[in-house]
Protein backbone atom coordinates (compact mmCIF):
# COMPACT_ATOMS: atom_id res chain seq x y z
CA MET A 1 50.50 8.95 -68.77
CA SER A 2 51.75 10.51 -65.58
CA GLU A 3 51.68 14.27 -65.43
CA MET A 4 48.24 15.83 -64.82
CA THR A 5 47.28 19.02 -66.64
CA ASN A 6 44.25 21.05 -65.57
CA ILE A 7 42.36 22.76 -68.39
CA VAL A 8 39.71 25.19 -67.13
CA VAL A 9 37.24 25.58 -69.98
CA LYS A 10 36.08 29.04 -68.87
CA ASP A 11 39.67 30.32 -68.91
CA VAL A 12 40.41 28.80 -72.32
CA ILE A 13 37.35 30.30 -74.05
CA SER A 14 37.22 33.49 -71.92
CA ARG A 15 33.49 33.25 -71.22
CA ALA A 16 31.01 31.34 -69.06
CA THR A 17 29.00 30.02 -72.00
CA ALA A 18 30.36 27.07 -73.97
CA VAL A 19 28.09 27.22 -76.99
CA SER A 20 29.97 27.59 -80.27
CA SER A 21 31.82 24.93 -82.21
CA ASP A 22 34.66 27.46 -82.65
CA ASP A 23 35.12 27.58 -78.87
CA GLY A 24 34.93 23.79 -78.85
CA ASP A 25 37.76 23.68 -81.39
CA VAL A 26 39.91 25.87 -79.12
CA VAL A 27 39.33 23.48 -76.21
CA TYR A 28 39.94 20.46 -78.47
CA ASN A 29 43.29 21.88 -79.60
CA ASN A 30 44.30 22.45 -75.96
CA ILE A 31 43.36 18.85 -75.08
CA LEU A 32 45.18 17.49 -78.14
CA ALA A 33 48.36 19.41 -77.29
CA GLU A 34 48.42 17.85 -73.81
CA LEU A 35 47.56 14.34 -75.04
CA THR A 36 50.43 14.45 -77.54
CA LYS A 37 52.72 15.22 -74.58
CA LYS A 38 51.37 12.02 -72.94
CA ARG A 39 49.70 13.93 -70.13
CA THR A 40 46.51 13.12 -68.26
CA ILE A 41 44.00 15.95 -68.47
CA SER A 42 41.51 17.25 -65.99
CA LEU A 43 38.93 19.16 -68.04
CA ASP A 44 37.28 21.53 -65.58
CA PHE A 45 33.86 23.02 -66.33
CA ASP A 46 33.77 25.21 -63.21
CA GLY A 47 31.95 28.48 -63.93
CA ILE A 48 30.35 27.29 -67.18
CA THR A 49 26.72 28.37 -67.05
CA LEU A 50 25.53 27.16 -70.46
CA MET A 51 26.77 24.43 -72.76
CA THR A 52 25.58 23.09 -76.13
CA THR A 53 26.12 19.88 -78.06
CA ALA A 54 27.76 21.94 -80.85
CA PHE A 55 30.47 22.93 -78.38
CA LEU A 56 30.85 19.41 -76.99
CA ASN A 57 30.99 17.79 -80.44
CA SER A 58 33.93 20.04 -81.30
CA ALA A 59 35.67 19.91 -77.91
CA ILE A 60 35.27 16.22 -77.10
CA GLY A 61 33.45 14.37 -79.86
CA GLN A 62 36.24 14.76 -82.40
CA LEU A 63 38.76 13.24 -79.98
CA TYR A 64 37.20 9.87 -80.84
CA SER A 65 38.59 10.13 -84.38
CA ARG A 66 42.12 9.95 -82.91
CA TYR A 67 41.77 7.98 -79.68
CA THR A 68 39.85 4.95 -78.47
CA SER A 69 37.29 5.12 -75.68
CA ASP A 70 39.68 3.26 -73.40
CA GLU A 71 42.48 5.73 -74.09
CA LEU A 72 40.22 8.70 -73.40
CA ASN A 73 38.78 7.11 -70.26
CA GLU A 74 42.35 6.76 -68.99
CA THR A 75 43.60 10.21 -69.94
CA LEU A 76 40.64 12.61 -69.85
CA LYS A 77 38.91 13.35 -66.56
CA LEU A 78 35.90 15.64 -66.42
CA LYS A 79 35.44 17.95 -63.42
CA ASN A 80 32.58 20.17 -62.28
CA VAL A 81 30.12 19.01 -64.92
CA ALA A 82 26.62 20.19 -63.97
CA GLU A 83 24.20 17.33 -63.36
CA GLU A 84 21.90 18.52 -66.16
CA ASP A 85 24.82 18.52 -68.63
CA ARG A 86 25.83 14.91 -67.97
CA VAL A 87 23.10 13.59 -70.30
CA MET A 88 24.40 15.84 -73.09
CA PHE A 89 27.97 14.55 -72.56
CA LYS A 90 26.75 10.97 -72.78
CA LYS A 91 24.84 11.67 -76.01
CA VAL A 92 27.80 13.42 -77.64
CA ILE A 93 30.23 10.67 -76.65
CA ASP A 94 27.87 7.86 -77.70
CA ARG A 95 27.25 9.56 -81.06
CA ALA A 96 30.99 10.08 -81.61
CA LYS A 97 31.69 6.40 -80.85
CA GLN A 98 28.89 5.25 -83.18
CA TYR A 99 30.13 7.55 -85.94
CA GLN A 100 33.71 6.29 -85.66
CA ALA A 101 32.52 2.67 -85.61
CA ASN A 102 30.46 3.13 -88.78
CA LYS A 103 31.79 6.17 -90.62
CA LYS A 104 30.81 4.98 -94.08
CA GLY A 105 27.24 4.18 -93.00
CA PHE A 106 26.84 7.60 -91.42
CA GLU A 107 28.26 9.37 -94.47
CA ASP A 108 26.06 7.35 -96.84
CA SER A 109 22.98 8.16 -94.74
CA ALA A 110 23.89 11.86 -94.68
CA ASN A 111 24.50 11.93 -98.43
CA ASN A 112 21.19 10.15 -99.07
CA ALA A 113 19.39 12.63 -96.84
CA ILE A 114 21.01 15.61 -98.55
CA TYR A 115 21.20 14.49 -102.17
CA GLY A 116 18.55 11.80 -102.27
CA GLY A 117 19.40 8.20 -102.76
């Protein structure tokens, strides 16, 4: 990976609040397009005033279904993440890694919770 692409979240979603999973999907698709071109990405959260885990699960969490942690650590750099949002990032990333490591267990647990087991 050589070329660096800067993705400014606020510009991609056209608002200062990153709250919906739909907006997260838009960001995810932008990231994916750059990763498939073998580019390194700077994901810039400058100007984002509110963020939710729903947004982050869609924008970043689903990347772990296609890429390893090592690959993402190499190619995805986060910029201007508010200190109070760092904990949320860690939770989303940890949950995504756990889910990918044990998909069947998670799905069985979810099905048991929903349909009874």
